[in-house]
Amino acid sequence: MIDFESHRILNIAQGRGPISELGLLKESGVQLLPEVWYLADSGYQGLQLLHQGATLPVKKPKNSPLSTEQRQANGRLARLRIRTRHLIRSLKVLSDTVGPEESELALP
């Protein structure tokens, strides 16, 4: 979890084995504050059912394309999320660089 304004890392959760991002969030026990707006990617499908302040990209229906408005909305969300994606990538590079033992110390 990253603060949108300051880009500070607020929470890191690591899981073992296959688990969805939403499942990992639930398992971590992090409390979602009602007054906070959460911007998430499609890995958090269902988050909007847990928190009214969650915004996710619109998922394409099975047999029809997204409307122009939906594609534009998804593009706007992607532009907001790109800094977060870059920060996550930096953390992964750090983890790969220092090795598994040190990365577990550096990333609680």
PDB file of N, CA and C in Angstrom:
ATOM      1  N   MET A   1       0.853  -1.155   0.000  1.00  0.00           N
ATOM      2  CA  MET A   1       0.000   0.000   0.000  1.00  0.00           C
ATOM      3  C   MET A   1       0.908   1.230   0.000  1.00  0.00           C
ATOM      4  N   ILE A   2       0.604   2.167  -0.899  1.00  0.00           N
ATOM      5  CA  ILE A   2       1.439   3.347  -1.084  1.00  0.00           C
ATOM      6  C   ILE A   2       0.570   4.590  -0.981  1.00  0.00           C
ATOM      7  N   ASP A   3       1.067   5.617  -0.279  1.00  0.00           N
ATOM      8  CA  ASP A   3       0.363   6.882  -0.173  1.00  0.00           C
ATOM      9  C   ASP A   3       0.478   7.613  -1.510  1.00  0.00           C
ATOM     10  N   PHE A   4      -0.648   7.988  -2.093  1.00  0.00           N
ATOM     11  CA  PHE A   4      -0.681   8.595  -3.418  1.00  0.00           C
ATOM     12  C   PHE A   4       0.038   9.938  -3.451  1.00  0.00           C
ATOM     13  N   GLU A   5      -0.124  10.738  -2.421  1.00  0.00           N
ATOM     14  CA  GLU A   5       0.468  12.080  -2.397  1.00  0.00           C
ATOM     15  C   GLU A   5       1.978  12.049  -2.202  1.00  0.00           C
ATOM     16  N   SER A   6       2.436  11.334  -1.183  1.00  0.00           N
ATOM     17  CA  SER A   6       3.857  11.352  -0.824  1.00  0.00           C
ATOM     18  C   SER A   6       4.663  10.221  -1.454  1.00  0.00           C
ATOM     19  N   HIS A   7       3.982   9.226  -1.992  1.00  0.00           N
ATOM     20  CA  HIS A   7       4.603   8.011  -2.541  1.00  0.00           C
ATOM     21  C   HIS A   7       5.368   7.231  -1.479  1.00  0.00           C
ATOM     22  N   ARG A   8       4.980   7.408  -0.226  1.00  0.00           N
ATOM     23  CA  ARG A   8       5.561   6.620   0.865  1.00  0.00           C
ATOM     24  C   ARG A   8       4.916   5.252   0.897  1.00  0.00           C
ATOM     25  N   ILE A   9       5.718   4.257   1.181  1.00  0.00           N
ATOM     26  CA  ILE A   9       5.219   2.900   1.323  1.00  0.00           C
ATOM     27  C   ILE A   9       4.578   2.791   2.705  1.00  0.00           C
ATOM     28  N   LEU A  10       3.307   2.440   2.753  1.00  0.00           N
ATOM     29  CA  LEU A  10       2.585   2.332   4.013  1.00  0.00           C
ATOM     30  C   LEU A  10       2.543   0.904   4.533  1.00  0.00           C
ATOM     31  N   ASN A  11       2.529  -0.053   3.620  1.00  0.00           N
ATOM     32  CA  ASN A  11       2.398  -1.440   4.030  1.00  0.00           C
ATOM     33  C   ASN A  11       2.908  -2.347   2.923  1.00  0.00           C
ATOM     34  N   ILE A  12       3.585  -3.402   3.312  1.00  0.00           N
ATOM     35  CA  ILE A  12       4.035  -4.421   2.369  1.00  0.00           C
ATOM     36  C   ILE A  12       3.583  -5.762   2.915  1.00  0.00           C
ATOM     37  N   ALA A  13       2.975  -6.548   2.062  1.00  0.00           N
ATOM     38  CA  ALA A  13       2.549  -7.891   2.456  1.00  0.00           C
ATOM     39  C   ALA A  13       3.159  -8.892   1.490  1.00  0.00           C
ATOM     40  N   GLN A  14       3.752  -9.918   2.018  1.00  0.00           N
ATOM     41  CA  GLN A  14       4.329 -10.974   1.200  1.00  0.00           C
ATOM     42  C   GLN A  14       3.582 -12.258   1.483  1.00  0.00           C
ATOM     43  N   GLY A  15       3.351 -13.007   0.438  1.00  0.00           N
ATOM     44  CA  GLY A  15       2.651 -14.272   0.605  1.00  0.00           C
ATOM     45  C   GLY A  15       3.483 -15.423   0.088  1.00  0.00           C
ATOM     46  N   ARG A  16       3.159 -16.580   0.528  1.00  0.00           N
ATOM     47  CA  ARG A  16       3.811 -17.792   0.051  1.00  0.00           C
ATOM     48  C   ARG A  16       2.817 -18.561  -0.810  1.00  0.00           C
ATOM     49  N   GLY A  17       3.247 -18.950  -1.963  1.00  0.00           N
ATOM     50  CA  GLY A  17       2.372 -19.720  -2.836  1.00  0.00           C
ATOM     51  C   GLY A  17       1.394 -18.834  -3.571  1.00  0.00           C
ATOM     52  N   PRO A  18       0.545 -19.454  -4.368  1.00  0.00           N
ATOM     53  CA  PRO A  18      -0.407 -18.673  -5.165  1.00  0.00           C
ATOM     54  C   PRO A  18      -1.530 -18.094  -4.298  1.00  0.00           C
ATOM     55  N   ILE A  19      -1.672 -16.791  -4.361  1.00  0.00           N
ATOM     56  CA  ILE A  19      -2.747 -16.114  -3.642  1.00  0.00           C
ATOM     57  C   ILE A  19      -3.055 -14.836  -4.400  1.00  0.00           C
ATOM     58  N   SER A  20      -4.332 -14.490  -4.499  1.00  0.00           N
ATOM     59  CA  SER A  20      -4.708 -13.270  -5.200  1.00  0.00           C
ATOM     60  C   SER A  20      -4.284 -12.060  -4.376  1.00  0.00           C
ATOM     61  N   GLU A  21      -4.182 -10.922  -5.044  1.00  0.00           N
ATOM     62  CA  GLU A  21      -3.819  -9.703  -4.329  1.00  0.00           C
ATOM     63  C   GLU A  21      -4.872  -9.352  -3.288  1.00  0.00           C
ATOM     64  N   LEU A  22      -6.142  -9.541  -3.639  1.00  0.00           N
ATOM     65  CA  LEU A  22      -7.214  -9.268  -2.675  1.00  0.00           C
ATOM     66  C   LEU A  22      -7.145 -10.249  -1.512  1.00  0.00           C
ATOM     67  N   GLY A  23      -6.848 -11.501  -1.802  1.00  0.00           N
ATOM     68  CA  GLY A  23      -6.703 -12.508  -0.743  1.00  0.00           C
ATOM     69  C   GLY A  23      -5.563 -12.164   0.192  1.00  0.00           C
ATOM     70  N   LEU A  24      -4.457 -11.672  -0.376  1.00  0.00           N
ATOM     71  CA  LEU A  24      -3.317 -11.271   0.432  1.00  0.00           C
ATOM     72  C   LEU A  24      -3.665 -10.067   1.301  1.00  0.00           C
ATOM     73  N   LEU A  25      -4.416  -9.122   0.745  1.00  0.00           N
ATOM     74  CA  LEU A  25      -4.859  -7.962   1.523  1.00  0.00           C
ATOM     75  C   LEU A  25      -5.724  -8.401   2.696  1.00  0.00           C
ATOM     76  N   LYS A  26      -6.683  -9.292   2.442  1.00  0.00           N
ATOM     77  CA  LYS A  26      -7.549  -9.790   3.514  1.00  0.00           C
ATOM     78  C   LYS A  26      -6.739 -10.530   4.573  1.00  0.00           C
ATOM     79  N   GLU A  27      -5.803 -11.364   4.120  1.00  0.00           N
ATOM     80  CA  GLU A  27      -4.976 -12.153   5.034  1.00  0.00           C
ATOM     81  C   GLU A  27      -4.063 -11.278   5.893  1.00  0.00           C
ATOM     82  N   SER A  28      -3.648 -10.124   5.357  1.00  0.00           N
ATOM     83  CA  SER A  28      -2.718  -9.248   6.080  1.00  0.00           C
ATOM     84  C   SER A  28      -3.373  -8.582   7.289  1.00  0.00           C
ATOM     85  N   GLY A  29      -4.698  -8.472   7.278  1.00  0.00           N
ATOM     86  CA  GLY A  29      -5.390  -7.848   8.400  1.00  0.00           C
ATOM     87  C   GLY A  29      -5.379  -6.331   8.372  1.00  0.00           C
ATOM     88  N   VAL A  30      -4.926  -5.728   7.269  1.00  0.00           N
ATOM     89  CA  VAL A  30      -4.905  -4.271   7.155  1.00  0.00           C
ATOM     90  C   VAL A  30      -6.329  -3.748   7.177  1.00  0.00           C
ATOM     91  N   GLN A  31      -6.571  -2.744   7.996  1.00  0.00           N
ATOM     92  CA  GLN A  31      -7.892  -2.131   8.086  1.00  0.00           C
ATOM     93  C   GLN A  31      -7.985  -1.006   7.057  1.00  0.00           C
ATOM     94  N   LEU A  32      -8.972  -1.067   6.177  1.00  0.00           N
ATOM     95  CA  LEU A  32      -9.183  -0.020   5.188  1.00  0.00           C
ATOM     96  C   LEU A  32     -10.010   1.091   5.827  1.00  0.00           C
ATOM     97  N   LEU A  33      -9.457   2.288   5.856  1.00  0.00           N
ATOM     98  CA  LEU A  33     -10.130   3.415   6.484  1.00  0.00           C
ATOM     99  C   LEU A  33     -11.258   3.922   5.598  1.00  0.00           C
ATOM    100  N   PRO A  34     -12.427   4.193   6.172  1.00  0.00           N
ATOM    101  CA  PRO A  34     -13.576   4.592   5.361  1.00  0.00           C
ATOM    102  C   PRO A  34     -13.393   5.930   4.647  1.00  0.00           C
ATOM    103  N   GLU A  35     -12.574   6.819   5.190  1.00  0.00           N
ATOM    104  CA  GLU A  35     -12.414   8.144   4.593  1.00  0.00           C
ATOM    105  C   GLU A  35     -11.326   8.195   3.520  1.00  0.00           C
ATOM    106  N   VAL A  36     -10.695   7.071   3.234  1.00  0.00           N
ATOM    107  CA  VAL A  36      -9.589   7.033   2.279  1.00  0.00           C
ATOM    108  C   VAL A  36     -10.075   6.474   0.943  1.00  0.00           C
ATOM    109  N   TRP A  37      -9.568   7.070  -0.146  1.00  0.00           N
ATOM    110  CA  TRP A  37      -9.856   6.603  -1.497  1.00  0.00           C
ATOM    111  C   TRP A  37      -8.772   5.617  -1.889  1.00  0.00           C
ATOM    112  N   TYR A  38      -9.143   4.424  -2.298  1.00  0.00           N
ATOM    113  CA  TYR A  38      -8.195   3.381  -2.687  1.00  0.00           C
ATOM    114  C   TYR A  38      -8.251   3.180  -4.191  1.00  0.00           C
ATOM    115  N   LEU A  39      -7.114   3.332  -4.833  1.00  0.00           N
ATOM    116  CA  LEU A  39      -6.972   3.125  -6.265  1.00  0.00           C
ATOM    117  C   LEU A  39      -6.231   1.816  -6.453  1.00  0.00           C
ATOM    118  N   ALA A  40      -6.868   0.845  -7.084  1.00  0.00           N
ATOM    119  CA  ALA A  40      -6.283  -0.490  -7.197  1.00  0.00           C
ATOM    120  C   ALA A  40      -6.308  -0.954  -8.648  1.00  0.00           C
ATOM    121  N   ASP A  41      -5.508  -1.983  -8.924  1.00  0.00           N
ATOM    122  CA  ASP A  41      -5.540  -2.560 -10.268  1.00  0.00           C
ATOM    123  C   ASP A  41      -6.517  -3.733 -10.296  1.00  0.00           C
ATOM    124  N   SER A  42      -6.615  -4.377 -11.437  1.00  0.00           N
ATOM    125  CA  SER A  42      -7.625  -5.418 -11.604  1.00  0.00           C
ATOM    126  C   SER A  42      -7.361  -6.661 -10.755  1.00  0.00           C
ATOM    127  N   GLY A  43      -6.183  -6.767 -10.150  1.00  0.00           N
ATOM    128  CA  GLY A  43      -5.900  -7.871  -9.243  1.00  0.00           C
ATOM    129  C   GLY A  43      -6.722  -7.807  -7.961  1.00  0.00           C
ATOM    130  N   TYR A  44      -7.352  -6.679  -7.737  1.00  0.00           N
ATOM    131  CA  TYR A  44      -8.164  -6.486  -6.536  1.00  0.00           C
ATOM    132  C   TYR A  44      -9.655  -6.533  -6.850  1.00  0.00           C
ATOM    133  N   GLN A  45     -10.051  -7.294  -7.888  1.00  0.00           N
ATOM    134  CA  GLN A  45     -11.466  -7.426  -8.223  1.00  0.00           C
ATOM    135  C   GLN A  45     -12.236  -7.866  -6.978  1.00  0.00           C
ATOM    136  N   GLY A  46     -13.266  -7.129  -6.643  1.00  0.00           N
ATOM    137  CA  GLY A  46     -14.061  -7.420  -5.458  1.00  0.00           C
ATOM    138  C   GLY A  46     -13.782  -6.451  -4.317  1.00  0.00           C
ATOM    139  N   LEU A  47     -12.715  -5.655  -4.419  1.00  0.00           N
ATOM    140  CA  LEU A  47     -12.395  -4.699  -3.357  1.00  0.00           C
ATOM    141  C   LEU A  47     -13.514  -3.693  -3.191  1.00  0.00           C
ATOM    142  N   GLN A  48     -14.161  -3.309  -4.283  1.00  0.00           N
ATOM    143  CA  GLN A  48     -15.241  -2.335  -4.191  1.00  0.00           C
ATOM    144  C   GLN A  48     -16.419  -2.873  -3.375  1.00  0.00           C
ATOM    145  N   LEU A  49     -16.501  -4.193  -3.205  1.00  0.00           N
ATOM    146  CA  LEU A  49     -17.542  -4.771  -2.348  1.00  0.00           C
ATOM    147  C   LEU A  49     -17.183  -4.636  -0.871  1.00  0.00           C
ATOM    148  N   LEU A  50     -15.883  -4.532  -0.572  1.00  0.00           N
ATOM    149  CA  LEU A  50     -15.417  -4.385   0.804  1.00  0.00           C
ATOM    150  C   LEU A  50     -15.294  -2.926   1.231  1.00  0.00           C
ATOM    151  N   HIS A  51     -15.080  -2.044   0.247  1.00  0.00           N
ATOM    152  CA  HIS A  51     -14.835  -0.639   0.566  1.00  0.00           C
ATOM    153  C   HIS A  51     -15.437   0.242  -0.518  1.00  0.00           C
ATOM    154  N   GLN A  52     -16.298   1.163  -0.126  1.00  0.00           N
ATOM    155  CA  GLN A  52     -16.967   2.025  -1.098  1.00  0.00           C
ATOM    156  C   GLN A  52     -16.013   3.013  -1.750  1.00  0.00           C
ATOM    157  N   GLY A  53     -14.881   3.286  -1.111  1.00  0.00           N
ATOM    158  CA  GLY A  53     -13.916   4.234  -1.641  1.00  0.00           C
ATOM    159  C   GLY A  53     -12.881   3.594  -2.547  1.00  0.00           C
ATOM    160  N   ALA A  54     -13.156   2.416  -3.083  1.00  0.00           N
ATOM    161  CA  ALA A  54     -12.209   1.729  -3.960  1.00  0.00           C
ATOM    162  C   ALA A  54     -12.552   1.998  -5.417  1.00  0.00           C
ATOM    163  N   THR A  55     -11.532   2.276  -6.209  1.00  0.00           N
ATOM    164  CA  THR A  55     -11.703   2.492  -7.638  1.00  0.00           C
ATOM    165  C   THR A  55     -10.822   1.506  -8.379  1.00  0.00           C
ATOM    166  N   LEU A  56     -11.433   0.741  -9.270  1.00  0.00           N
ATOM    167  CA  LEU A  56     -10.728  -0.256 -10.072  1.00  0.00           C
ATOM    168  C   LEU A  56     -11.032  -0.014 -11.543  1.00  0.00           C
ATOM    169  N   PRO A  57     -10.171  -0.519 -12.428  1.00  0.00           N
ATOM    170  CA  PRO A  57     -10.486  -0.407 -13.851  1.00  0.00           C
ATOM    171  C   PRO A  57     -11.757  -1.184 -14.183  1.00  0.00           C
ATOM    172  N   VAL A  58     -12.443  -0.735 -15.218  1.00  0.00           N
ATOM    173  CA  VAL A  58     -13.647  -1.430 -15.673  1.00  0.00           C
ATOM    174  C   VAL A  58     -13.202  -2.686 -16.408  1.00  0.00           C
ATOM    175  N   LYS A  59     -13.795  -3.799 -16.052  1.00  0.00           N
ATOM    176  CA  LYS A  59     -13.466  -5.071 -16.671  1.00  0.00           C
ATOM    177  C   LYS A  59     -14.306  -5.254 -17.943  1.00  0.00           C
ATOM    178  N   LYS A  60     -13.687  -5.740 -19.004  1.00  0.00           N
ATOM    179  CA  LYS A  60     -14.378  -5.950 -20.268  1.00  0.00           C
ATOM    180  C   LYS A  60     -15.404  -7.067 -20.144  1.00  0.00           C
ATOM    181  N   PRO A  61     -16.641  -6.817 -20.565  1.00  0.00           N
ATOM    182  CA  PRO A  61     -17.637  -7.885 -20.571  1.00  0.00           C
ATOM    183  C   PRO A  61     -17.216  -9.006 -21.530  1.00  0.00           C
ATOM    184  N   LYS A  62     -17.712 -10.191 -21.271  1.00  0.00           N
ATOM    185  CA  LYS A  62     -17.283 -11.366 -22.017  1.00  0.00           C
ATOM    186  C   LYS A  62     -17.506 -11.254 -23.523  1.00  0.00           C
ATOM    187  N   ASN A  63     -18.660 -10.792 -23.944  1.00  0.00           N
ATOM    188  CA  ASN A  63     -18.987 -10.810 -25.372  1.00  0.00           C
ATOM    189  C   ASN A  63     -19.140  -9.435 -26.004  1.00  0.00           C
ATOM    190  N   SER A  64     -18.597  -8.408 -25.381  1.00  0.00           N
ATOM    191  CA  SER A  64     -18.694  -7.075 -25.978  1.00  0.00           C
ATOM    192  C   SER A  64     -17.486  -6.242 -25.569  1.00  0.00           C
ATOM    193  N   PRO A  65     -17.124  -5.272 -26.398  1.00  0.00           N
ATOM    194  CA  PRO A  65     -15.974  -4.422 -26.071  1.00  0.00           C
ATOM    195  C   PRO A  65     -16.353  -3.362 -25.037  1.00  0.00           C
ATOM    196  N   LEU A  66     -15.340  -2.760 -24.438  1.00  0.00           N
ATOM    197  CA  LEU A  66     -15.583  -1.629 -23.546  1.00  0.00           C
ATOM    198  C   LEU A  66     -16.022  -0.432 -24.374  1.00  0.00           C
ATOM    199  N   SER A  67     -16.832   0.408 -23.784  1.00  0.00           N
ATOM    200  CA  SER A  67     -17.237   1.635 -24.475  1.00  0.00           C
ATOM    201  C   SER A  67     -16.055   2.599 -24.491  1.00  0.00           C
ATOM    202  N   THR A  68     -16.150   3.613 -25.317  1.00  0.00           N
ATOM    203  CA  THR A  68     -15.097   4.630 -25.396  1.00  0.00           C
ATOM    204  C   THR A  68     -14.900   5.281 -24.033  1.00  0.00           C
ATOM    205  N   GLU A  69     -15.980   5.575 -23.338  1.00  0.00           N
ATOM    206  CA  GLU A  69     -15.890   6.207 -22.018  1.00  0.00           C
ATOM    207  C   GLU A  69     -15.185   5.295 -21.011  1.00  0.00           C
ATOM    208  N   GLN A  70     -15.498   4.006 -21.069  1.00  0.00           N
ATOM    209  CA  GLN A  70     -14.856   3.053 -20.154  1.00  0.00           C
ATOM    210  C   GLN A  70     -13.365   2.940 -20.440  1.00  0.00           C
ATOM    211  N   ARG A  71     -12.993   2.895 -21.724  1.00  0.00           N
ATOM    212  CA  ARG A  71     -11.572   2.830 -22.076  1.00  0.00           C
ATOM    213  C   ARG A  71     -10.843   4.092 -21.623  1.00  0.00           C
ATOM    214  N   GLN A  72     -11.483   5.244 -21.792  1.00  0.00           N
ATOM    215  CA  GLN A  72     -10.874   6.500 -21.349  1.00  0.00           C
ATOM    216  C   GLN A  72     -10.709   6.525 -19.830  1.00  0.00           C
ATOM    217  N   ALA A  73     -11.720   6.044 -19.116  1.00  0.00           N
ATOM    218  CA  ALA A  73     -11.639   5.988 -17.646  1.00  0.00           C
ATOM    219  C   ALA A  73     -10.505   5.061 -17.213  1.00  0.00           C
ATOM    220  N   ASN A  74     -10.379   3.908 -17.860  1.00  0.00           N
ATOM    221  CA  ASN A  74      -9.283   2.988 -17.542  1.00  0.00           C
ATOM    222  C   ASN A  74      -7.931   3.630 -17.824  1.00  0.00           C
ATOM    223  N   GLY A  75      -7.833   4.403 -18.897  1.00  0.00           N
ATOM    224  CA  GLY A  75      -6.588   5.101 -19.218  1.00  0.00           C
ATOM    225  C   GLY A  75      -6.228   6.132 -18.163  1.00  0.00           C
ATOM    226  N   ARG A  76      -7.240   6.858 -17.675  1.00  0.00           N
ATOM    227  CA  ARG A  76      -6.989   7.847 -16.610  1.00  0.00           C
ATOM    228  C   ARG A  76      -6.488   7.159 -15.339  1.00  0.00           C
ATOM    229  N   LEU A  77      -7.097   6.029 -14.998  1.00  0.00           N
ATOM    230  CA  LEU A  77      -6.652   5.280 -13.818  1.00  0.00           C
ATOM    231  C   LEU A  77      -5.220   4.775 -14.008  1.00  0.00           C
ATOM    232  N   ALA A  78      -4.909   4.300 -15.195  1.00  0.00           N
ATOM    233  CA  ALA A  78      -3.558   3.797 -15.473  1.00  0.00           C
ATOM    234  C   ALA A  78      -2.528   4.911 -15.318  1.00  0.00           C
ATOM    235  N   ARG A  79      -2.858   6.123 -15.771  1.00  0.00           N
ATOM    236  CA  ARG A  79      -1.917   7.247 -15.626  1.00  0.00           C
ATOM    237  C   ARG A  79      -1.699   7.605 -14.154  1.00  0.00           C
ATOM    238  N   LEU A  80      -2.728   7.436 -13.328  1.00  0.00           N
ATOM    239  CA  LEU A  80      -2.572   7.696 -11.899  1.00  0.00           C
ATOM    240  C   LEU A  80      -1.735   6.609 -11.222  1.00  0.00           C
ATOM    241  N   ARG A  81      -1.881   5.370 -11.690  1.00  0.00           N
ATOM    242  CA  ARG A  81      -1.216   4.234 -11.045  1.00  0.00           C
ATOM    243  C   ARG A  81       0.225   4.027 -11.487  1.00  0.00           C
ATOM    244  N   ILE A  82       0.687   4.697 -12.555  1.00  0.00           N
ATOM    245  CA  ILE A  82       1.987   4.382 -13.125  1.00  0.00           C
ATOM    246  C   ILE A  82       3.130   4.643 -12.137  1.00  0.00           C
ATOM    247  N   ARG A  83       3.046   5.692 -11.349  1.00  0.00           N
ATOM    248  CA  ARG A  83       4.109   5.953 -10.361  1.00  0.00           C
ATOM    249  C   ARG A  83       4.198   4.823  -9.338  1.00  0.00           C
ATOM    250  N   THR A  84       3.035   4.337  -8.929  1.00  0.00           N
ATOM    251  CA  THR A  84       3.000   3.220  -7.988  1.00  0.00           C
ATOM    252  C   THR A  84       3.630   1.983  -8.608  1.00  0.00           C
ATOM    253  N   ARG A  85       3.304   1.706  -9.868  1.00  0.00           N
ATOM    254  CA  ARG A  85       3.887   0.551 -10.558  1.00  0.00           C
ATOM    255  C   ARG A  85       5.406   0.680 -10.634  1.00  0.00           C
ATOM    256  N   HIS A  86       5.913   1.885 -10.880  1.00  0.00           N
ATOM    257  CA  HIS A  86       7.361   2.095 -10.931  1.00  0.00           C
ATOM    258  C   HIS A  86       7.999   1.847  -9.568  1.00  0.00           C
ATOM    259  N   LEU A  87       7.347   2.287  -8.510  1.00  0.00           N
ATOM    260  CA  LEU A  87       7.872   2.062  -7.161  1.00  0.00           C
ATOM    261  C   LEU A  87       7.887   0.571  -6.824  1.00  0.00           C
ATOM    262  N   ILE A  88       6.831  -0.139  -7.177  1.00  0.00           N
ATOM    263  CA  ILE A  88       6.785  -1.584  -6.931  1.00  0.00           C
ATOM    264  C   ILE A  88       7.896  -2.279  -7.700  1.00  0.00           C
ATOM    265  N   ARG A  89       8.126  -1.865  -8.943  1.00  0.00           N
ATOM    266  CA  ARG A  89       9.203  -2.451  -9.748  1.00  0.00           C
ATOM    267  C   ARG A  89      10.554  -2.208  -9.081  1.00  0.00           C
ATOM    268  N   SER A  90      10.776  -1.018  -8.552  1.00  0.00           N
ATOM    269  CA  SER A  90      12.033  -0.713  -7.849  1.00  0.00           C
ATOM    270  C   SER A  90      12.230  -1.636  -6.657  1.00  0.00           C
ATOM    271  N   LEU A  91      11.159  -1.907  -5.930  1.00  0.00           N
ATOM    272  CA  LEU A  91      11.254  -2.817  -4.787  1.00  0.00           C
ATOM    273  C   LEU A  91      11.618  -4.226  -5.235  1.00  0.00           C
ATOM    274  N   LYS A  92      11.046  -4.657  -6.361  1.00  0.00           N
ATOM    275  CA  LYS A  92      11.364  -5.987  -6.872  1.00  0.00           C
ATOM    276  C   LYS A  92      12.819  -6.068  -7.317  1.00  0.00           C
ATOM    277  N   VAL A  93      13.321  -5.011  -7.952  1.00  0.00           N
ATOM    278  CA  VAL A  93      14.729  -4.981  -8.364  1.00  0.00           C
ATOM    279  C   VAL A  93      15.626  -5.018  -7.129  1.00  0.00           C
ATOM    280  N   LEU A  94      15.276  -4.252  -6.101  1.00  0.00           N
ATOM    281  CA  LEU A  94      16.045  -4.265  -4.857  1.00  0.00           C
ATOM    282  C   LEU A  94      16.062  -5.665  -4.259  1.00  0.00           C
ATOM    283  N   SER A  95      14.912  -6.309  -4.214  1.00  0.00           N
ATOM    284  CA  SER A  95      14.817  -7.655  -3.662  1.00  0.00           C
ATOM    285  C   SER A  95      15.689  -8.627  -4.448  1.00  0.00           C
ATOM    286  N   ASP A  96      15.667  -8.533  -5.778  1.00  0.00           N
ATOM    287  CA  ASP A  96      16.485  -9.417  -6.612  1.00  0.00           C
ATOM    288  C   ASP A  96      17.974  -9.116  -6.456  1.00  0.00           C
ATOM    289  N   THR A  97      18.316  -7.855  -6.224  1.00  0.00           N
ATOM    290  CA  THR A  97      19.716  -7.437  -6.124  1.00  0.00           C
ATOM    291  C   THR A  97      20.361  -7.884  -4.824  1.00  0.00           C
ATOM    292  N   VAL A  98      19.650  -7.708  -3.705  1.00  0.00           N
ATOM    293  CA  VAL A  98      20.258  -8.012  -2.409  1.00  0.00           C
ATOM    294  C   VAL A  98      20.111  -9.470  -2.006  1.00  0.00           C
ATOM    295  N   GLY A  99      19.267 -10.201  -2.680  1.00  0.00           N
ATOM    296  CA  GLY A  99      19.096 -11.610  -2.343  1.00  0.00           C
ATOM    297  C   GLY A  99      17.956 -11.822  -1.380  1.00  0.00           C
ATOM    298  N   PRO A 100      17.457 -13.053  -1.289  1.00  0.00           N
ATOM    299  CA  PRO A 100      16.259 -13.334  -0.487  1.00  0.00           C
ATOM    300  C   PRO A 100      16.442 -13.075   1.011  1.00  0.00           C
ATOM    301  N   GLU A 101      17.609 -13.376   1.561  1.00  0.00           N
ATOM    302  CA  GLU A 101      17.780 -13.195   3.014  1.00  0.00           C
ATOM    303  C   GLU A 101      17.740 -11.723   3.390  1.00  0.00           C
ATOM    304  N   GLU A 102      18.491 -10.896   2.655  1.00  0.00           N
ATOM    305  CA  GLU A 102      18.520  -9.473   2.974  1.00  0.00           C
ATOM    306  C   GLU A 102      17.204  -8.793   2.622  1.00  0.00           C
ATOM    307  N   SER A 103      16.550  -9.206   1.532  1.00  0.00           N
ATOM    308  CA  SER A 103      15.310  -8.548   1.148  1.00  0.00           C
ATOM    309  C   SER A 103      14.231  -8.788   2.193  1.00  0.00           C
ATOM    310  N   GLU A 104      14.225  -9.935   2.841  1.00  0.00           N
ATOM    311  CA  GLU A 104      13.238 -10.172   3.892  1.00  0.00           C
ATOM    312  C   GLU A 104      13.488  -9.258   5.078  1.00  0.00           C
ATOM    313  N   LEU A 105      14.757  -8.915   5.317  1.00  0.00           N
ATOM    314  CA  LEU A 105      15.062  -7.960   6.380  1.00  0.00           C
ATOM    315  C   LEU A 105      14.656  -6.560   5.971  1.00  0.00           C
ATOM    316  N   ALA A 106      14.885  -6.219   4.698  1.00  0.00           N
ATOM    317  CA  ALA A 106      14.600  -4.880   4.231  1.00  0.00           C
ATOM    318  C   ALA A 106      13.115  -4.656   3.994  1.00  0.00           C
ATOM    319  N   LEU A 107      12.377  -5.703   3.649  1.00  0.00           N
ATOM    320  CA  LEU A 107      10.955  -5.572   3.333  1.00  0.00           C
ATOM    321  C   LEU A 107      10.148  -6.430   4.292  1.00  0.00           C
ATOM    322  N   PRO A 108       9.699  -5.831   5.383  1.00  0.00           N
ATOM    323  CA  PRO A 108       8.955  -6.611   6.383  1.00  0.00           C
ATOM    324  C   PRO A 108       7.646  -7.151   5.853  1.00  0.00           C
TER     325      PRO A 108
END
